[in-house]
Amino acid sequence: MNGWLAIAGLGPGDDRLVTPEVTAIIAQATDIVGYIPYVARIAPRAGLTLHPSDNRVELDRAAHALTLAAQGRRVVVASSGDPGVFAMASALFEALEAGPAHWRDLDIRVLPGITAMLAASARAGAPLGHDFCAINLSDNLKPWSLIEKRLRLAVEADFAMAFYNPRSKARPDGFARALDLLRSLCGDDRPILFARAVSTPQELLQIVPLGAARADMADMRTVVILGSSRTRLIARSRGPILYTPRSALDGPA
């Protein structure tokens, strides 16, 4: 039996936001490999083996998936959002590059999904409607000095910015430092969106001026989007709309 491996994005949380392509590949799988909460989203069935594992073991998880596929299994590596955005696709290809040569002959596919960043933007309006960047605020795999450099350059380029992994129990202070730096560069008036658990029953959206943002408004289930100098807030009775205009022909606002 010829095995294959698919790295699949499960979207931000609501099963209705899982793509038909991902649903179809899961139905064909013999094995699901992934972080515990992501594997828990897959319904058990006859002929399917679930392989949940803890956080911070991405390379071990990737090697396990590749080993199963090499044994002829049909393996899906479950990832949240899109697997290529701060998720499992890069980890799997790191393991592939460092692993045995025969792994490179495997049928490997990456199946895209809706990211938390895009789901949050859609809920709020269109804050990523013009040029933007995404920055992972975790310093587990890069130094804090590099994060600060990227924040400064993103502000200089006047990007809207989406922040992943803003604050965790192990990193309670980094996001506060990032907010202080951003306030010093942008001032207090720029709108910032805190979007927690988007598309789930625990969803919470908050839009505040940067000067009113607090570190404890975010956790690891929160995506934070800071507008550019042009990002606008439309007040209305049905809830505000946050958006960034398409044009910047006359430079920064």
C-alpha atoms as a PDB file:
ATOM      1  CA  MET A   1       0.000   0.000   0.000  1.00  0.00           C
ATOM      2  CA  ASN A   2       1.315   3.426  -0.930  1.00  0.00           C
ATOM      3  CA  GLY A   3       1.163   5.823   1.964  1.00  0.00           C
ATOM      4  CA  TRP A   4       0.704   9.557   1.832  1.00  0.00           C
ATOM      5  CA  LEU A   5       0.776  12.494   4.174  1.00  0.00           C
ATOM      6  CA  ALA A   6      -1.454  15.574   4.198  1.00  0.00           C
ATOM      7  CA  ILE A   7      -0.887  18.576   6.465  1.00  0.00           C
ATOM      8  CA  ALA A   8      -4.385  19.960   6.890  1.00  0.00           C
ATOM      9  CA  GLY A   9      -5.654  23.249   8.264  1.00  0.00           C
ATOM     10  CA  LEU A  10      -8.759  22.866  10.444  1.00  0.00           C
ATOM     11  CA  GLY A  11      -9.561  26.574  10.423  1.00  0.00           C
ATOM     12  CA  PRO A  12     -10.134  28.831  13.441  1.00  0.00           C
ATOM     13  CA  GLY A  13     -12.583  26.618  15.351  1.00  0.00           C
ATOM     14  CA  ASP A  14     -16.038  26.357  13.788  1.00  0.00           C
ATOM     15  CA  ASP A  15     -16.411  23.104  11.849  1.00  0.00           C
ATOM     16  CA  ARG A  16     -18.299  25.024   9.139  1.00  0.00           C
ATOM     17  CA  LEU A  17     -15.029  26.815   8.345  1.00  0.00           C
ATOM     18  CA  VAL A  18     -13.167  23.582   7.563  1.00  0.00           C
ATOM     19  CA  THR A  19     -12.743  23.369   3.787  1.00  0.00           C
ATOM     20  CA  PRO A  20     -14.392  20.527   1.818  1.00  0.00           C
ATOM     21  CA  GLU A  21     -10.914  19.463   0.678  1.00  0.00           C
ATOM     22  CA  VAL A  22      -9.794  18.948   4.274  1.00  0.00           C
ATOM     23  CA  THR A  23     -13.023  17.130   5.214  1.00  0.00           C
ATOM     24  CA  ALA A  24     -12.544  14.753   2.287  1.00  0.00           C
ATOM     25  CA  ILE A  25      -8.908  13.958   3.111  1.00  0.00           C
ATOM     26  CA  ILE A  26      -9.744  13.262   6.771  1.00  0.00           C
ATOM     27  CA  ALA A  27     -12.375  10.768   5.588  1.00  0.00           C
ATOM     28  CA  GLN A  28      -9.640   8.869   3.700  1.00  0.00           C
ATOM     29  CA  ALA A  29      -7.064   8.892   6.509  1.00  0.00           C
ATOM     30  CA  THR A  30      -5.937   5.915   8.555  1.00  0.00           C
ATOM     31  CA  ASP A  31      -4.080   8.092  11.072  1.00  0.00           C
ATOM     32  CA  ILE A  32      -4.506  11.597  12.498  1.00  0.00           C
ATOM     33  CA  VAL A  33      -1.427  13.170  14.094  1.00  0.00           C
ATOM     34  CA  GLY A  34      -1.485  16.473  15.942  1.00  0.00           C
ATOM     35  CA  TYR A  35      -1.597  18.624  19.046  1.00  0.00           C
ATOM     36  CA  ILE A  36      -4.128  17.294  21.572  1.00  0.00           C
ATOM     37  CA  PRO A  37      -6.919  19.894  21.083  1.00  0.00           C
ATOM     38  CA  TYR A  38      -6.720  19.663  17.284  1.00  0.00           C
ATOM     39  CA  VAL A  39      -6.901  15.867  17.212  1.00  0.00           C
ATOM     40  CA  ALA A  40      -9.873  16.101  19.587  1.00  0.00           C
ATOM     41  CA  ARG A  41     -11.799  17.864  16.813  1.00  0.00           C
ATOM     42  CA  ILE A  42     -11.666  14.703  14.657  1.00  0.00           C
ATOM     43  CA  ALA A  43     -14.527  12.250  15.214  1.00  0.00           C
ATOM     44  CA  PRO A  44     -13.319   8.694  15.971  1.00  0.00           C
ATOM     45  CA  ARG A  45     -14.342   5.970  13.521  1.00  0.00           C
ATOM     46  CA  ALA A  46     -13.434   2.403  12.658  1.00  0.00           C
ATOM     47  CA  GLY A  47     -10.093   2.160  10.879  1.00  0.00           C
ATOM     48  CA  LEU A  48      -8.856   5.516  12.126  1.00  0.00           C
ATOM     49  CA  THR A  49      -6.087   5.845  14.717  1.00  0.00           C
ATOM     50  CA  LEU A  50      -5.682   9.127  16.580  1.00  0.00           C
ATOM     51  CA  HIS A  51      -2.195  10.190  17.705  1.00  0.00           C
ATOM     52  CA  PRO A  52      -2.533  13.243  20.001  1.00  0.00           C
ATOM     53  CA  SER A  53       0.627  14.800  21.432  1.00  0.00           C
ATOM     54  CA  ASP A  54       1.504  17.727  23.657  1.00  0.00           C
ATOM     55  CA  ASN A  55       2.660  21.192  22.677  1.00  0.00           C
ATOM     56  CA  ARG A  56       6.301  22.004  21.798  1.00  0.00           C
ATOM     57  CA  VAL A  57       7.029  18.576  20.290  1.00  0.00           C
ATOM     58  CA  GLU A  58       6.445  19.644  16.694  1.00  0.00           C
ATOM     59  CA  LEU A  59       9.544  17.975  15.238  1.00  0.00           C
ATOM     60  CA  ASP A  60       8.843  14.692  17.046  1.00  0.00           C
ATOM     61  CA  ARG A  61       5.235  14.853  15.834  1.00  0.00           C
ATOM     62  CA  ALA A  62       6.394  15.506  12.276  1.00  0.00           C
ATOM     63  CA  ALA A  63       8.874  12.619  12.343  1.00  0.00           C
ATOM     64  CA  HIS A  64       6.178  10.292  13.681  1.00  0.00           C
ATOM     65  CA  ALA A  65       3.832  11.294  10.860  1.00  0.00           C
ATOM     66  CA  LEU A  66       6.515  10.785   8.223  1.00  0.00           C
ATOM     67  CA  THR A  67       7.390   7.380   9.672  1.00  0.00           C
ATOM     68  CA  LEU A  68       3.743   6.287   9.525  1.00  0.00           C
ATOM     69  CA  ALA A  69       3.394   7.458   5.921  1.00  0.00           C
ATOM     70  CA  ALA A  70       6.577   5.604   4.970  1.00  0.00           C
ATOM     71  CA  GLN A  71       4.966   2.454   6.419  1.00  0.00           C
ATOM     72  CA  GLY A  72       2.084   2.837   3.964  1.00  0.00           C
ATOM     73  CA  ARG A  73      -0.359   4.670   6.198  1.00  0.00           C
ATOM     74  CA  ARG A  74      -2.608   7.516   5.016  1.00  0.00           C
ATOM     75  CA  VAL A  75      -1.686  10.234   7.472  1.00  0.00           C
ATOM     76  CA  VAL A  76      -3.252  13.615   8.177  1.00  0.00           C
ATOM     77  CA  VAL A  77      -1.304  16.049  10.343  1.00  0.00           C
ATOM     78  CA  ALA A  78      -3.979  18.233  11.909  1.00  0.00           C
ATOM     79  CA  SER A  79      -3.165  21.906  12.332  1.00  0.00           C
ATOM     80  CA  SER A  80      -5.252  24.860  13.425  1.00  0.00           C
ATOM     81  CA  GLY A  81      -5.932  27.702  11.009  1.00  0.00           C
ATOM     82  CA  ASP A  82      -3.695  27.298   7.977  1.00  0.00           C
ATOM     83  CA  PRO A  83      -0.838  24.787   8.399  1.00  0.00           C
ATOM     84  CA  GLY A  84       1.627  27.124   6.680  1.00  0.00           C
ATOM     85  CA  VAL A  85       1.055  30.083   9.023  1.00  0.00           C
ATOM     86  CA  PHE A  86       2.988  29.586  12.297  1.00  0.00           C
ATOM     87  CA  ALA A  87       1.872  25.952  12.284  1.00  0.00           C
ATOM     88  CA  MET A  88       2.874  22.404  11.369  1.00  0.00           C
ATOM     89  CA  ALA A  89       3.864  22.616   7.696  1.00  0.00           C
ATOM     90  CA  SER A  90       7.249  24.203   8.383  1.00  0.00           C
ATOM     91  CA  ALA A  91       7.976  21.767  11.209  1.00  0.00           C
ATOM     92  CA  LEU A  92       7.191  18.818   8.966  1.00  0.00           C
ATOM     93  CA  PHE A  93       9.486  20.059   6.206  1.00  0.00           C
ATOM     94  CA  GLU A  94      12.260  20.665   8.742  1.00  0.00           C
ATOM     95  CA  ALA A  95      11.927  17.032   9.805  1.00  0.00           C
ATOM     96  CA  LEU A  96      11.789  15.923   6.164  1.00  0.00           C
ATOM     97  CA  GLU A  97      14.983  17.789   5.290  1.00  0.00           C
ATOM     98  CA  ALA A  98      16.856  16.351   8.279  1.00  0.00           C
ATOM     99  CA  GLY A  99      15.412  12.839   8.020  1.00  0.00           C
ATOM    100  CA  PRO A 100      16.205   9.724   5.982  1.00  0.00           C
ATOM    101  CA  ALA A 101      16.367  10.094   2.209  1.00  0.00           C
ATOM    102  CA  HIS A 102      13.419   7.777   1.509  1.00  0.00           C
ATOM    103  CA  TRP A 103      11.027  10.219   3.216  1.00  0.00           C
ATOM    104  CA  ARG A 104      11.547  12.609   0.303  1.00  0.00           C
ATOM    105  CA  ASP A 105       9.797  10.199  -2.063  1.00  0.00           C
ATOM    106  CA  LEU A 106       6.553  10.353  -0.077  1.00  0.00           C
ATOM    107  CA  ASP A 107       3.370  11.900  -1.443  1.00  0.00           C
ATOM    108  CA  ILE A 108       3.115  15.022   0.775  1.00  0.00           C
ATOM    109  CA  ARG A 109       0.404  17.643   0.411  1.00  0.00           C
ATOM    110  CA  VAL A 110      -0.381  20.859   2.281  1.00  0.00           C
ATOM    111  CA  LEU A 111      -4.106  21.629   2.477  1.00  0.00           C
ATOM    112  CA  PRO A 112      -4.825  25.276   3.286  1.00  0.00           C
ATOM    113  CA  GLY A 113      -7.262  26.480   5.908  1.00  0.00           C
ATOM    114  CA  ILE A 114      -8.773  29.725   7.151  1.00  0.00           C
ATOM    115  CA  THR A 115      -6.377  31.382   9.564  1.00  0.00           C
ATOM    116  CA  ALA A 116      -7.380  32.927  12.885  1.00  0.00           C
ATOM    117  CA  MET A 117      -5.976  36.189  11.511  1.00  0.00           C
ATOM    118  CA  LEU A 118      -8.323  36.188   8.514  1.00  0.00           C
ATOM    119  CA  ALA A 119     -11.311  35.022  10.546  1.00  0.00           C
ATOM    120  CA  ALA A 120     -10.711  37.814  13.074  1.00  0.00           C
ATOM    121  CA  SER A 121     -10.331  40.401  10.332  1.00  0.00           C
ATOM    122  CA  ALA A 122     -13.585  39.271   8.729  1.00  0.00           C
ATOM    123  CA  ARG A 123     -15.461  39.455  12.026  1.00  0.00           C
ATOM    124  CA  ALA A 124     -14.281  43.040  12.614  1.00  0.00           C
ATOM    125  CA  GLY A 125     -14.640  44.271   9.015  1.00  0.00           C
ATOM    126  CA  ALA A 126     -11.486  44.563   6.919  1.00  0.00           C
ATOM    127  CA  PRO A 127      -8.551  45.831   8.999  1.00  0.00           C
ATOM    128  CA  LEU A 128      -6.207  43.887   6.697  1.00  0.00           C
ATOM    129  CA  GLY A 129      -7.728  45.510   3.617  1.00  0.00           C
ATOM    130  CA  HIS A 130      -4.437  47.089   2.527  1.00  0.00           C
ATOM    131  CA  ASP A 131      -0.807  45.966   3.031  1.00  0.00           C
ATOM    132  CA  PHE A 132      -0.243  44.060   6.271  1.00  0.00           C
ATOM    133  CA  CYS A 133       2.152  41.684   7.996  1.00  0.00           C
ATOM    134  CA  ALA A 134       1.852  38.892  10.556  1.00  0.00           C
ATOM    135  CA  ILE A 135       4.287  38.616  13.477  1.00  0.00           C
ATOM    136  CA  ASN A 136       4.540  35.798  16.000  1.00  0.00           C
ATOM    137  CA  LEU A 137       5.240  37.437  19.382  1.00  0.00           C
ATOM    138  CA  SER A 138       6.560  34.241  20.974  1.00  0.00           C
ATOM    139  CA  ASP A 139      10.287  34.356  21.680  1.00  0.00           C
ATOM    140  CA  ASN A 140      10.558  30.574  22.075  1.00  0.00           C
ATOM    141  CA  LEU A 141      12.218  30.177  18.661  1.00  0.00           C
ATOM    142  CA  LYS A 142      13.673  33.647  18.089  1.00  0.00           C
ATOM    143  CA  PRO A 143      15.227  36.342  20.290  1.00  0.00           C
ATOM    144  CA  TRP A 144      13.140  39.205  21.618  1.00  0.00           C
ATOM    145  CA  SER A 145      15.520  41.656  19.928  1.00  0.00           C
ATOM    146  CA  LEU A 146      14.392  40.310  16.541  1.00  0.00           C
ATOM    147  CA  ILE A 147      10.735  40.732  17.483  1.00  0.00           C
ATOM    148  CA  GLU A 148      11.380  44.358  18.444  1.00  0.00           C
ATOM    149  CA  LYS A 149      13.248  44.988  15.204  1.00  0.00           C
ATOM    150  CA  ARG A 150      10.366  43.613  13.152  1.00  0.00           C
ATOM    151  CA  LEU A 151       7.837  45.682  15.095  1.00  0.00           C
ATOM    152  CA  ARG A 152       9.837  48.860  14.465  1.00  0.00           C
ATOM    153  CA  LEU A 153      10.218  48.138  10.761  1.00  0.00           C
ATOM    154  CA  ALA A 154       6.537  47.242  10.378  1.00  0.00           C
ATOM    155  CA  VAL A 155       5.549  50.551  11.960  1.00  0.00           C
ATOM    156  CA  GLU A 156       8.019  52.398   9.728  1.00  0.00           C
ATOM    157  CA  ALA A 157       6.462  50.705   6.669  1.00  0.00           C
ATOM    158  CA  ASP A 158       2.976  51.602   7.986  1.00  0.00           C
ATOM    159  CA  PHE A 159       1.657  48.053   7.820  1.00  0.00           C
ATOM    160  CA  ALA A 160      -1.410  46.894   9.645  1.00  0.00           C
ATOM    161  CA  MET A 161      -0.097  44.099  11.870  1.00  0.00           C
ATOM    162  CA  ALA A 162      -1.577  40.797  12.999  1.00  0.00           C
ATOM    163  CA  PHE A 163       0.019  39.327  16.117  1.00  0.00           C
ATOM    164  CA  TYR A 164      -0.017  35.615  16.877  1.00  0.00           C
ATOM    165  CA  ASN A 165       0.803  34.058  20.273  1.00  0.00           C
ATOM    166  CA  PRO A 166       0.736  37.399  22.085  1.00  0.00           C
ATOM    167  CA  ARG A 167       0.770  36.237  25.686  1.00  0.00           C
ATOM    168  CA  SER A 168       1.043  32.966  27.586  1.00  0.00           C
ATOM    169  CA  LYS A 169       1.532  31.884  31.198  1.00  0.00           C
ATOM    170  CA  ALA A 170       5.172  31.181  30.379  1.00  0.00           C
ATOM    171  CA  ARG A 171       5.584  34.595  28.698  1.00  0.00           C
ATOM    172  CA  PRO A 172       3.430  37.025  30.719  1.00  0.00           C
ATOM    173  CA  ASP A 173       5.544  40.133  30.141  1.00  0.00           C
ATOM    174  CA  GLY A 174       6.503  40.124  26.455  1.00  0.00           C
ATOM    175  CA  PHE A 175       3.194  41.456  25.152  1.00  0.00           C
ATOM    176  CA  ALA A 176       3.258  44.345  27.623  1.00  0.00           C
ATOM    177  CA  ARG A 177       6.703  45.244  26.288  1.00  0.00           C
ATOM    178  CA  ALA A 178       5.397  45.057  22.732  1.00  0.00           C
ATOM    179  CA  LEU A 179       2.462  47.362  23.569  1.00  0.00           C
ATOM    180  CA  ASP A 180       4.792  49.873  25.223  1.00  0.00           C
ATOM    181  CA  LEU A 181       7.038  49.888  22.162  1.00  0.00           C
ATOM    182  CA  LEU A 182       4.105  50.271  19.774  1.00  0.00           C
ATOM    183  CA  ARG A 183       2.676  53.164  21.785  1.00  0.00           C
ATOM    184  CA  SER A 184       6.034  54.907  21.680  1.00  0.00           C
ATOM    185  CA  LEU A 185       6.122  54.522  17.891  1.00  0.00           C
ATOM    186  CA  CYS A 186       2.439  54.983  16.966  1.00  0.00           C
ATOM    187  CA  GLY A 187       0.906  57.086  19.722  1.00  0.00           C
ATOM    188  CA  ASP A 188      -2.258  56.213  21.623  1.00  0.00           C
ATOM    189  CA  ASP A 189      -5.017  56.672  19.047  1.00  0.00           C
ATOM    190  CA  ARG A 190      -4.450  53.841  16.590  1.00  0.00           C
ATOM    191  CA  PRO A 191      -7.212  51.185  16.790  1.00  0.00           C
ATOM    192  CA  ILE A 192      -6.266  47.722  18.000  1.00  0.00           C
ATOM    193  CA  LEU A 193      -8.462  44.625  17.800  1.00  0.00           C
ATOM    194  CA  PHE A 194      -8.380  41.783  20.326  1.00  0.00           C
ATOM    195  CA  ALA A 195     -10.126  38.762  18.797  1.00  0.00           C
ATOM    196  CA  ARG A 196     -10.337  35.761  21.100  1.00  0.00           C
ATOM    197  CA  ALA A 197     -11.533  32.290  20.098  1.00  0.00           C
ATOM    198  CA  VAL A 198     -13.045  33.554  16.850  1.00  0.00           C
ATOM    199  CA  SER A 199     -15.846  31.367  15.426  1.00  0.00           C
ATOM    200  CA  THR A 200     -16.300  29.419  18.688  1.00  0.00           C
ATOM    201  CA  PRO A 201     -18.927  29.901  21.429  1.00  0.00           C
ATOM    202  CA  GLN A 202     -16.230  31.680  23.480  1.00  0.00           C
ATOM    203  CA  GLU A 203     -15.647  34.345  20.808  1.00  0.00           C
ATOM    204  CA  LEU A 204     -14.914  37.834  22.141  1.00  0.00           C
ATOM    205  CA  LEU A 205     -13.994  40.885  20.042  1.00  0.00           C
ATOM    206  CA  GLN A 206     -12.742  44.126  21.579  1.00  0.00           C
ATOM    207  CA  ILE A 207     -11.643  47.220  19.640  1.00  0.00           C
ATOM    208  CA  VAL A 208      -9.905  49.906  21.682  1.00  0.00           C
ATOM    209  CA  PRO A 209      -7.409  52.718  21.079  1.00  0.00           C
ATOM    210  CA  LEU A 210      -3.820  51.558  21.445  1.00  0.00           C
ATOM    211  CA  GLY A 211      -3.472  53.747  24.536  1.00  0.00           C
ATOM    212  CA  ALA A 212      -6.210  51.741  26.278  1.00  0.00           C
ATOM    213  CA  ALA A 213      -4.820  48.311  25.354  1.00  0.00           C
ATOM    214  CA  ARG A 214      -3.701  46.114  28.252  1.00  0.00           C
ATOM    215  CA  ALA A 215      -1.588  42.997  28.099  1.00  0.00           C
ATOM    216  CA  ASP A 216      -4.186  40.978  30.022  1.00  0.00           C
ATOM    217  CA  MET A 217      -6.691  41.507  27.197  1.00  0.00           C
ATOM    218  CA  ALA A 218      -4.853  38.769  25.246  1.00  0.00           C
ATOM    219  CA  ASP A 219      -3.951  35.137  25.732  1.00  0.00           C
ATOM    220  CA  MET A 220      -2.856  32.286  23.479  1.00  0.00           C
ATOM    221  CA  ARG A 221      -6.347  32.009  21.963  1.00  0.00           C
ATOM    222  CA  THR A 222      -6.276  35.676  20.947  1.00  0.00           C
ATOM    223  CA  VAL A 223      -5.212  37.201  17.654  1.00  0.00           C
ATOM    224  CA  VAL A 224      -4.392  40.901  17.940  1.00  0.00           C
ATOM    225  CA  ILE A 225      -4.623  43.226  14.934  1.00  0.00           C
ATOM    226  CA  LEU A 226      -3.156  46.716  15.098  1.00  0.00           C
ATOM    227  CA  GLY A 227      -4.295  49.079  12.370  1.00  0.00           C
ATOM    228  CA  SER A 228      -2.029  51.179  10.168  1.00  0.00           C
ATOM    229  CA  SER A 229      -2.097  54.975  10.265  1.00  0.00           C
ATOM    230  CA  ARG A 230      -4.983  54.810   7.773  1.00  0.00           C
ATOM    231  CA  THR A 231      -7.171  52.238   9.522  1.00  0.00           C
ATOM    232  CA  ARG A 232     -10.618  53.615  10.335  1.00  0.00           C
ATOM    233  CA  LEU A 233     -13.465  52.792  12.694  1.00  0.00           C
ATOM    234  CA  ILE A 234     -17.059  53.234  11.545  1.00  0.00           C
ATOM    235  CA  ALA A 235     -19.384  53.664  14.535  1.00  0.00           C
ATOM    236  CA  ARG A 236     -22.886  52.256  14.091  1.00  0.00           C
ATOM    237  CA  SER A 237     -25.729  50.791  16.165  1.00  0.00           C
ATOM    238  CA  ARG A 238     -25.088  47.223  14.940  1.00  0.00           C
ATOM    239  CA  GLY A 239     -21.495  47.317  16.159  1.00  0.00           C
ATOM    240  CA  PRO A 240     -18.413  49.102  14.806  1.00  0.00           C
ATOM    241  CA  ILE A 241     -16.643  48.232  11.583  1.00  0.00           C
ATOM    242  CA  LEU A 242     -12.858  48.360  11.504  1.00  0.00           C
ATOM    243  CA  TYR A 243     -11.281  48.675   8.069  1.00  0.00           C
ATOM    244  CA  THR A 244      -8.208  49.883   6.223  1.00  0.00           C
ATOM    245  CA  PRO A 245      -8.832  51.723   2.921  1.00  0.00           C
ATOM    246  CA  ARG A 246      -7.405  50.191  -0.240  1.00  0.00           C
ATOM    247  CA  SER A 247      -5.459  53.261  -1.329  1.00  0.00           C
ATOM    248  CA  ALA A 248      -2.333  54.905   0.043  1.00  0.00           C
ATOM    249  CA  LEU A 249      -1.429  57.004  -2.986  1.00  0.00           C
ATOM    250  CA  ASP A 250      -0.474  60.012  -0.890  1.00  0.00           C
ATOM    251  CA  GLY A 251       1.711  58.131   1.582  1.00  0.00           C
ATOM    252  CA  PRO A 252       1.106  57.533   5.322  1.00  0.00           C
ATOM    253  CA  ALA A 253      -1.850  59.300   6.875  1.00  0.00           C
END
